[in-house]
PDB file of N, CA and C in Angstrom:
ATOM      1  N   MET A   1     120.948 106.840  98.511  1.00  0.00           N
ATOM      2  CA  MET A   1     121.781 105.718  98.816  1.00  0.00           C
ATOM      3  C   MET A   1     121.645 104.705  97.673  1.00  0.00           C
ATOM      4  N   ARG A   2     122.756 104.270  97.089  1.00  0.00           N
ATOM      5  CA  ARG A   2     122.754 103.308  95.993  1.00  0.00           C
ATOM      6  C   ARG A   2     123.155 101.940  96.516  1.00  0.00           C
ATOM      7  N   HIS A   3     122.521 100.938  95.988  1.00  0.00           N
ATOM      8  CA  HIS A   3     122.845  99.564  96.335  1.00  0.00           C
ATOM      9  C   HIS A   3     123.246  98.831  95.070  1.00  0.00           C
ATOM     10  N   VAL A   4     124.327  98.105  95.139  1.00  0.00           N
ATOM     11  CA  VAL A   4     124.757  97.301  94.016  1.00  0.00           C
ATOM     12  C   VAL A   4     124.163  95.919  94.191  1.00  0.00           C
ATOM     13  N   VAL A   5     123.393  95.505  93.203  1.00  0.00           N
ATOM     14  CA  VAL A   5     122.753  94.203  93.253  1.00  0.00           C
ATOM     15  C   VAL A   5     123.359  93.341  92.152  1.00  0.00           C
ATOM     16  N   GLU A   6     123.773  92.144  92.542  1.00  0.00           N
ATOM     17  CA  GLU A   6     124.353  91.241  91.559  1.00  0.00           C
ATOM     18  C   GLU A   6     123.277  90.808  90.571  1.00  0.00           C
ATOM     19  N   PRO A   7     123.670  90.575  89.312  1.00  0.00           N
ATOM     20  CA  PRO A   7     122.691  90.103  88.326  1.00  0.00           C
ATOM     21  C   PRO A   7     122.098  88.757  88.761  1.00  0.00           C
ATOM     22  N   PHE A   8     120.842  88.528  88.428  1.00  0.00           N
ATOM     23  CA  PHE A   8     120.168  87.295  88.800  1.00  0.00           C
ATOM     24  C   PHE A   8     120.765  86.121  88.043  1.00  0.00           C
ATOM     25  N   ASN A   9     121.081  85.072  88.742  1.00  0.00           N
ATOM     26  CA  ASN A   9     121.587  83.843  88.161  1.00  0.00           C
ATOM     27  C   ASN A   9     120.572  82.753  88.455  1.00  0.00           C
ATOM     28  N   PRO A  10     119.831  82.274  87.435  1.00  0.00           N
ATOM     29  CA  PRO A  10     118.785  81.277  87.696  1.00  0.00           C
ATOM     30  C   PRO A  10     119.329  79.959  88.224  1.00  0.00           C
ATOM     31  N   ASN A  11     120.632  79.755  88.097  1.00  0.00           N
ATOM     32  CA  ASN A  11     121.222  78.512  88.597  1.00  0.00           C
ATOM     33  C   ASN A  11     121.565  78.594  90.083  1.00  0.00           C
ATOM     34  N   GLU A  12     121.465  79.784  90.667  1.00  0.00           N
ATOM     35  CA  GLU A  12     121.792  79.953  92.074  1.00  0.00           C
ATOM     36  C   GLU A  12     120.557  79.678  92.926  1.00  0.00           C
ATOM     37  N   ASN A  13     120.755  79.033  94.028  1.00  0.00           N
ATOM     38  CA  ASN A  13     119.673  78.703  94.940  1.00  0.00           C
ATOM     39  C   ASN A  13     119.035  79.988  95.464  1.00  0.00           C
ATOM     40  N   LEU A  14     117.725  80.113  95.328  1.00  0.00           N
ATOM     41  CA  LEU A  14     117.017  81.319  95.745  1.00  0.00           C
ATOM     42  C   LEU A  14     117.183  81.577  97.239  1.00  0.00           C
ATOM     43  N   LEU A  15     117.114  80.528  98.068  1.00  0.00           N
ATOM     44  CA  LEU A  15     117.298  80.724  99.505  1.00  0.00           C
ATOM     45  C   LEU A  15     118.690  81.253  99.815  1.00  0.00           C
ATOM     46  N   GLU A  16     119.681  80.804  99.089  1.00  0.00           N
ATOM     47  CA  GLU A  16     121.044  81.310  99.286  1.00  0.00           C
ATOM     48  C   GLU A  16     121.081  82.816  99.023  1.00  0.00           C
ATOM     49  N   ARG A  17     120.384  83.262  97.989  1.00  0.00           N
ATOM     50  CA  ARG A  17     120.337  84.702  97.686  1.00  0.00           C
ATOM     51  C   ARG A  17     119.605  85.464  98.778  1.00  0.00           C
ATOM     52  N   ILE A  18     118.479  84.909  99.237  1.00  0.00           N
ATOM     53  CA  ILE A  18     117.689  85.572 100.275  1.00  0.00           C
ATOM     54  C   ILE A  18     118.502  85.727 101.546  1.00  0.00           C
ATOM     55  N   PHE A  19     119.226  84.685 101.934  1.00  0.00           N
ATOM     56  CA  PHE A  19     119.980  84.701 103.179  1.00  0.00           C
ATOM     57  C   PHE A  19     121.424  85.151 103.010  1.00  0.00           C
ATOM     58  N   SER A  20     121.725  85.768 101.867  1.00  0.00           N
ATOM     59  CA  SER A  20     123.089  86.260 101.663  1.00  0.00           C
ATOM     60  C   SER A  20     123.382  87.387 102.653  1.00  0.00           C
ATOM     61  N   ARG A  21     124.627  87.543 102.968  1.00  0.00           N
ATOM     62  CA  ARG A  21     125.046  88.599 103.896  1.00  0.00           C
ATOM     63  C   ARG A  21     124.554  89.974 103.423  1.00  0.00           C
ATOM     64  N   GLU A  22     124.701  90.231 102.136  1.00  0.00           N
ATOM     65  CA  GLU A  22     124.312  91.536 101.584  1.00  0.00           C
ATOM     66  C   GLU A  22     122.817  91.780 101.748  1.00  0.00           C
ATOM     67  N   ASN A  23     121.988  90.764 101.463  1.00  0.00           N
ATOM     68  CA  ASN A  23     120.544  90.924 101.581  1.00  0.00           C
ATOM     69  C   ASN A  23     120.126  91.099 103.035  1.00  0.00           C
ATOM     70  N   MET A  24     120.743  90.345 103.938  1.00  0.00           N
ATOM     71  CA  MET A  24     120.417  90.462 105.351  1.00  0.00           C
ATOM     72  C   MET A  24     120.823  91.832 105.892  1.00  0.00           C
ATOM     73  N   GLN A  25     121.957  92.360 105.440  1.00  0.00           N
ATOM     74  CA  GLN A  25     122.379  93.691 105.884  1.00  0.00           C
ATOM     75  C   GLN A  25     121.413  94.757 105.380  1.00  0.00           C
ATOM     76  N   LEU A  26     120.952  94.621 104.145  1.00  0.00           N
ATOM     77  CA  LEU A  26     119.986  95.574 103.601  1.00  0.00           C
ATOM     78  C   LEU A  26     118.671  95.510 104.385  1.00  0.00           C
ATOM     79  N   ALA A  27     118.213  94.306 104.694  1.00  0.00           N
ATOM     80  CA  ALA A  27     116.980  94.152 105.477  1.00  0.00           C
ATOM     81  C   ALA A  27     117.134  94.776 106.857  1.00  0.00           C
ATOM     82  N   TRP A  28     118.286  94.548 107.488  1.00  0.00           N
ATOM     83  CA  TRP A  28     118.540  95.115 108.821  1.00  0.00           C
ATOM     84  C   TRP A  28     118.529  96.636 108.767  1.00  0.00           C
ATOM     85  N   LYS A  29     119.132  97.221 107.747  1.00  0.00           N
ATOM     86  CA  LYS A  29     119.132  98.682 107.619  1.00  0.00           C
ATOM     87  C   LYS A  29     117.714  99.222 107.514  1.00  0.00           C
ATOM     88  N   ARG A  30     116.852  98.496 106.805  1.00  0.00           N
ATOM     89  CA  ARG A  30     115.458  98.942 106.662  1.00  0.00           C
ATOM     90  C   ARG A  30     114.706  98.850 107.990  1.00  0.00           C
ATOM     91  N   VAL A  31     114.910  97.763 108.709  1.00  0.00           N
ATOM     92  CA  VAL A  31     114.252  97.615 110.013  1.00  0.00           C
ATOM     93  C   VAL A  31     114.711  98.722 110.946  1.00  0.00           C
ATOM     94  N   ARG A  32     116.015  98.944 110.990  1.00  0.00           N
ATOM     95  CA  ARG A  32     116.572  99.980 111.872  1.00  0.00           C
ATOM     96  C   ARG A  32     116.046 101.360 111.482  1.00  0.00           C
ATOM     97  N   ALA A  33     115.991 101.642 110.178  1.00  0.00           N
ATOM     98  CA  ALA A  33     115.492 102.941 109.712  1.00  0.00           C
ATOM     99  C   ALA A  33     114.018 103.131 110.060  1.00  0.00           C
ATOM    100  N   ASN A  34     113.257 102.035 110.062  1.00  0.00           N
ATOM    101  CA  ASN A  34     111.830 102.103 110.401  1.00  0.00           C
ATOM    102  C   ASN A  34     111.585 102.074 111.901  1.00  0.00           C
ATOM    103  N   LYS A  35     112.665 102.013 112.667  1.00  0.00           N
ATOM    104  CA  LYS A  35     112.572 101.942 114.123  1.00  0.00           C
ATOM    105  C   LYS A  35     111.687 100.782 114.544  1.00  0.00           C
ATOM    106  N   GLY A  36     111.982  99.606 113.963  1.00  0.00           N
ATOM    107  CA  GLY A  36     111.218  98.394 114.262  1.00  0.00           C
ATOM    108  C   GLY A  36     111.063  98.169 115.755  1.00  0.00           C
ATOM    109  N   THR A  37     109.983  97.528 116.121  1.00  0.00           N
ATOM    110  CA  THR A  37     109.681  97.293 117.520  1.00  0.00           C
ATOM    111  C   THR A  37     109.985  95.850 117.903  1.00  0.00           C
ATOM    112  N   ALA A  38     110.117  95.604 119.173  1.00  0.00           N
ATOM    113  CA  ALA A  38     110.408  94.253 119.659  1.00  0.00           C
ATOM    114  C   ALA A  38     109.257  93.313 119.323  1.00  0.00           C
ATOM    115  N   GLY A  39     109.595  92.070 119.052  1.00  0.00           N
ATOM    116  CA  GLY A  39     108.585  91.055 118.774  1.00  0.00           C
ATOM    117  C   GLY A  39     108.209  90.321 120.038  1.00  0.00           C
ATOM    118  N   ILE A  40     107.684  89.135 119.857  1.00  0.00           N
ATOM    119  CA  ILE A  40     107.252  88.334 120.998  1.00  0.00           C
ATOM    120  C   ILE A  40     108.426  87.978 121.909  1.00  0.00           C
ATOM    121  N   ASP A  41     109.634  87.967 121.343  1.00  0.00           N
ATOM    122  CA  ASP A  41     110.823  87.645 122.143  1.00  0.00           C
ATOM    123  C   ASP A  41     111.349  88.843 122.925  1.00  0.00           C
ATOM    124  N   LYS A  42     110.732  90.001 122.736  1.00  0.00           N
ATOM    125  CA  LYS A  42     111.095  91.245 123.434  1.00  0.00           C
ATOM    126  C   LYS A  42     112.493  91.763 123.082  1.00  0.00           C
ATOM    127  N   MET A  43     113.079  91.257 121.990  1.00  0.00           N
ATOM    128  CA  MET A  43     114.410  91.710 121.590  1.00  0.00           C
ATOM    129  C   MET A  43     114.296  93.095 120.948  1.00  0.00           C
ATOM    130  N   THR A  44     115.091  94.012 121.445  1.00  0.00           N
ATOM    131  CA  THR A  44     115.059  95.377 120.940  1.00  0.00           C
ATOM    132  C   THR A  44     116.002  95.533 119.750  1.00  0.00           C
ATOM    133  N   ILE A  45     115.847  96.644 119.061  1.00  0.00           N
ATOM    134  CA  ILE A  45     116.741  96.982 117.951  1.00  0.00           C
ATOM    135  C   ILE A  45     118.179  97.045 118.455  1.00  0.00           C
ATOM    136  N   ALA A  46     118.368  97.560 119.639  1.00  0.00           N
ATOM    137  CA  ALA A  46     119.722  97.685 120.201  1.00  0.00           C
ATOM    138  C   ALA A  46     120.331  96.319 120.513  1.00  0.00           C
ATOM    139  N   ASP A  47     119.515  95.341 120.900  1.00  0.00           N
ATOM    140  CA  ASP A  47     120.011  94.015 121.261  1.00  0.00           C
ATOM    141  C   ASP A  47     120.280  93.116 120.054  1.00  0.00           C
ATOM    142  N   PHE A  48     119.636  93.406 118.942  1.00  0.00           N
ATOM    143  CA  PHE A  48     119.699  92.494 117.806  1.00  0.00           C
ATOM    144  C   PHE A  48     121.091  92.277 117.217  1.00  0.00           C
ATOM    145  N   PRO A  49     121.919  93.295 117.003  1.00  0.00           N
ATOM    146  CA  PRO A  49     123.225  93.051 116.363  1.00  0.00           C
ATOM    147  C   PRO A  49     124.082  92.013 117.085  1.00  0.00           C
ATOM    148  N   VAL A  50     124.134  92.066 118.394  1.00  0.00           N
ATOM    149  CA  VAL A  50     124.939  91.097 119.150  1.00  0.00           C
ATOM    150  C   VAL A  50     124.345  89.697 118.983  1.00  0.00           C
ATOM    151  N   PHE A  51     123.027  89.592 119.114  1.00  0.00           N
ATOM    152  CA  PHE A  51     122.358  88.304 118.947  1.00  0.00           C
ATOM    153  C   PHE A  51     122.635  87.737 117.559  1.00  0.00           C
ATOM    154  N   ALA A  52     122.506  88.569 116.533  1.00  0.00           N
ATOM    155  CA  ALA A  52     122.700  88.108 115.158  1.00  0.00           C
ATOM    156  C   ALA A  52     124.127  87.616 114.926  1.00  0.00           C
ATOM    157  N   ARG A  53     125.107  88.356 115.431  1.00  0.00           N
ATOM    158  CA  ARG A  53     126.500  87.930 115.254  1.00  0.00           C
ATOM    159  C   ARG A  53     126.754  86.579 115.920  1.00  0.00           C
ATOM    160  N   GLU A  54     126.160  86.359 117.070  1.00  0.00           N
ATOM    161  CA  GLU A  54     126.403  85.122 117.818  1.00  0.00           C
ATOM    162  C   GLU A  54     125.614  83.924 117.274  1.00  0.00           C
ATOM    163  N   ASN A  55     124.474  84.169 116.631  1.00  0.00           N
ATOM    164  CA  ASN A  55     123.581  83.073 116.267  1.00  0.00           C
ATOM    165  C   ASN A  55     123.291  82.903 114.785  1.00  0.00           C
ATOM    166  N   TRP A  56     123.740  83.846 113.937  1.00  0.00           N
ATOM    167  CA  TRP A  56     123.326  83.814 112.538  1.00  0.00           C
ATOM    168  C   TRP A  56     123.704  82.531 111.811  1.00  0.00           C
ATOM    169  N   ASP A  57     124.906  82.025 111.991  1.00  0.00           N
ATOM    170  CA  ASP A  57     125.315  80.821 111.259  1.00  0.00           C
ATOM    171  C   ASP A  57     124.380  79.649 111.552  1.00  0.00           C
ATOM    172  N   LYS A  58     124.020  79.463 112.807  1.00  0.00           N
ATOM    173  CA  LYS A  58     123.130  78.372 113.206  1.00  0.00           C
ATOM    174  C   LYS A  58     121.716  78.599 112.658  1.00  0.00           C
ATOM    175  N   ILE A  59     121.222  79.822 112.745  1.00  0.00           N
ATOM    176  CA  ILE A  59     119.878  80.135 112.244  1.00  0.00           C
ATOM    177  C   ILE A  59     119.818  79.948 110.734  1.00  0.00           C
ATOM    178  N   ARG A  60     120.814  80.477 110.033  1.00  0.00           N
ATOM    179  CA  ARG A  60     120.858  80.373 108.563  1.00  0.00           C
ATOM    180  C   ARG A  60     120.875  78.910 108.135  1.00  0.00           C
ATOM    181  N   GLU A  61     121.700  78.119 108.773  1.00  0.00           N
ATOM    182  CA  GLU A  61     121.790  76.695 108.427  1.00  0.00           C
ATOM    183  C   GLU A  61     120.458  75.996 108.640  1.00  0.00           C
ATOM    184  N   SER A  62     119.784  76.278 109.746  1.00  0.00           N
ATOM    185  CA  SER A  62     118.497  75.629 109.999  1.00  0.00           C
ATOM    186  C   SER A  62     117.429  76.102 109.007  1.00  0.00           C
ATOM    187  N   LEU A  63     117.512  77.347 108.549  1.00  0.00           N
ATOM    188  CA  LEU A  63     116.591  77.834 107.524  1.00  0.00           C
ATOM    189  C   LEU A  63     116.839  77.110 106.200  1.00  0.00           C
ATOM    190  N   LEU A  64     118.096  76.990 105.829  1.00  0.00           N
ATOM    191  CA  LEU A  64     118.443  76.361 104.556  1.00  0.00           C
ATOM    192  C   LEU A  64     118.135  74.867 104.532  1.00  0.00           C
ATOM    193  N   ASN A  65     118.280  74.182 105.667  1.00  0.00           N
ATOM    194  CA  ASN A  65     118.021  72.740 105.649  1.00  0.00           C
ATOM    195  C   ASN A  65     116.601  72.382 106.077  1.00  0.00           C
ATOM    196  N   GLY A  66     115.765  73.401 106.331  1.00  0.00           N
ATOM    197  CA  GLY A  66     114.351  73.167 106.595  1.00  0.00           C
ATOM    198  C   GLY A  66     114.002  72.754 108.011  1.00  0.00           C
ATOM    199  N   THR A  67     114.922  72.951 108.954  1.00  0.00           N
ATOM    200  CA  THR A  67     114.633  72.552 110.330  1.00  0.00           C
ATOM    201  C   THR A  67     114.299  73.723 111.245  1.00  0.00           C
ATOM    202  N   TYR A  68     114.286  74.940 110.718  1.00  0.00           N
ATOM    203  CA  TYR A  68     113.985  76.118 111.533  1.00  0.00           C
ATOM    204  C   TYR A  68     112.529  76.087 111.970  1.00  0.00           C
ATOM    205  N   GLU A  69     112.284  76.377 113.230  1.00  0.00           N
ATOM    206  CA  GLU A  69     110.920  76.482 113.741  1.00  0.00           C
ATOM    207  C   GLU A  69     110.715  77.885 114.272  1.00  0.00           C
ATOM    208  N   ALA A  70     109.861  78.625 113.579  1.00  0.00           N
ATOM    209  CA  ALA A  70     109.607  80.018 113.946  1.00  0.00           C
ATOM    210  C   ALA A  70     108.842  80.102 115.259  1.00  0.00           C
ATOM    211  N   LYS A  71     109.117  81.147 116.012  1.00  0.00           N
ATOM    212  CA  LYS A  71     108.389  81.436 117.247  1.00  0.00           C
ATOM    213  C   LYS A  71     107.044  82.069 116.867  1.00  0.00           C
ATOM    214  N   PRO A  72     106.084  82.048 117.771  1.00  0.00           N
ATOM    215  CA  PRO A  72     104.810  82.724 117.490  1.00  0.00           C
ATOM    216  C   PRO A  72     105.043  84.216 117.234  1.00  0.00           C
ATOM    217  N   VAL A  73     104.153  84.822 116.471  1.00  0.00           N
ATOM    218  CA  VAL A  73     104.264  86.244 116.185  1.00  0.00           C
ATOM    219  C   VAL A  73     103.235  87.015 116.987  1.00  0.00           C
ATOM    220  N   ARG A  74     103.547  88.284 117.249  1.00  0.00           N
ATOM    221  CA  ARG A  74     102.560  89.160 117.892  1.00  0.00           C
ATOM    222  C   ARG A  74     101.628  89.636 116.805  1.00  0.00           C
ATOM    223  N   ARG A  75     100.368  89.654 117.108  1.00  0.00           N
ATOM    224  CA  ARG A  75      99.428  90.130 116.101  1.00  0.00           C
ATOM    225  C   ARG A  75      98.345  90.940 116.769  1.00  0.00           C
ATOM    226  N   VAL A  76      97.794  91.845 116.003  1.00  0.00           N
ATOM    227  CA  VAL A  76      96.689  92.669 116.467  1.00  0.00           C
ATOM    228  C   VAL A  76      95.542  92.453 115.500  1.00  0.00           C
ATOM    229  N   GLU A  77      94.415  92.056 116.016  1.00  0.00           N
ATOM    230  CA  GLU A  77      93.237  91.872 115.179  1.00  0.00           C
ATOM    231  C   GLU A  77      92.594  93.234 114.905  1.00  0.00           C
ATOM    232  N   ILE A  78      92.272  93.475 113.653  1.00  0.00           N
ATOM    233  CA  ILE A  78      91.621  94.727 113.253  1.00  0.00           C
ATOM    234  C   ILE A  78      90.171  94.394 112.930  1.00  0.00           C
ATOM    235  N   PRO A  79      89.228  94.966 113.679  1.00  0.00           N
ATOM    236  CA  PRO A  79      87.813  94.679 113.403  1.00  0.00           C
ATOM    237  C   PRO A  79      87.456  95.003 111.953  1.00  0.00           C
ATOM    238  N   ALA A  80      86.572  94.206 111.373  1.00  0.00           N
ATOM    239  CA  ALA A  80      86.209  94.338 109.965  1.00  0.00           C
ATOM    240  C   ALA A  80      85.671  95.728 109.620  1.00  0.00           C
ATOM    241  N   TYR A  81      85.023  96.402 110.553  1.00  0.00           N
ATOM    242  CA  TYR A  81      84.464  97.708 110.233  1.00  0.00           C
ATOM    243  C   TYR A  81      85.550  98.774 110.041  1.00  0.00           C
ATOM    244  N   TYR A  82      86.822  98.494 110.389  1.00  0.00           N
ATOM    245  CA  TYR A  82      87.916  99.416 110.151  1.00  0.00           C
ATOM    246  C   TYR A  82      88.574  99.194 108.794  1.00  0.00           C
ATOM    247  N   VAL A  83      88.294  98.063 108.183  1.00  0.00           N
ATOM    248  CA  VAL A  83      88.918  97.729 106.916  1.00  0.00           C
ATOM    249  C   VAL A  83      88.207  98.484 105.801  1.00  0.00           C
ATOM    250  N   CYS A  84      88.970  99.119 104.947  1.00  0.00           N
ATOM    251  CA  CYS A  84      88.368  99.891 103.841  1.00  0.00           C
ATOM    252  C   CYS A  84      88.066  99.015 102.664  1.00  0.00           C
TER     253      CYS A  84
END
């Protein structure tokens, strides 16, 4: 699978590039291919596309203007004796 990536423009806002439609679609394809699991919000891979279509503009705007507040993440502690 080939992806066309636009040349880097140092004058373009980095957050704009990160949150571009193309980058978000590529990230979504990777999550879906990895069979990502639900997070703390219990949203499944199947539920995400509808949620994203309905809420992306608001989420993107809050990310760009610095008002986004992330929800807690699920985490698993790995005991030190398992770390190589």
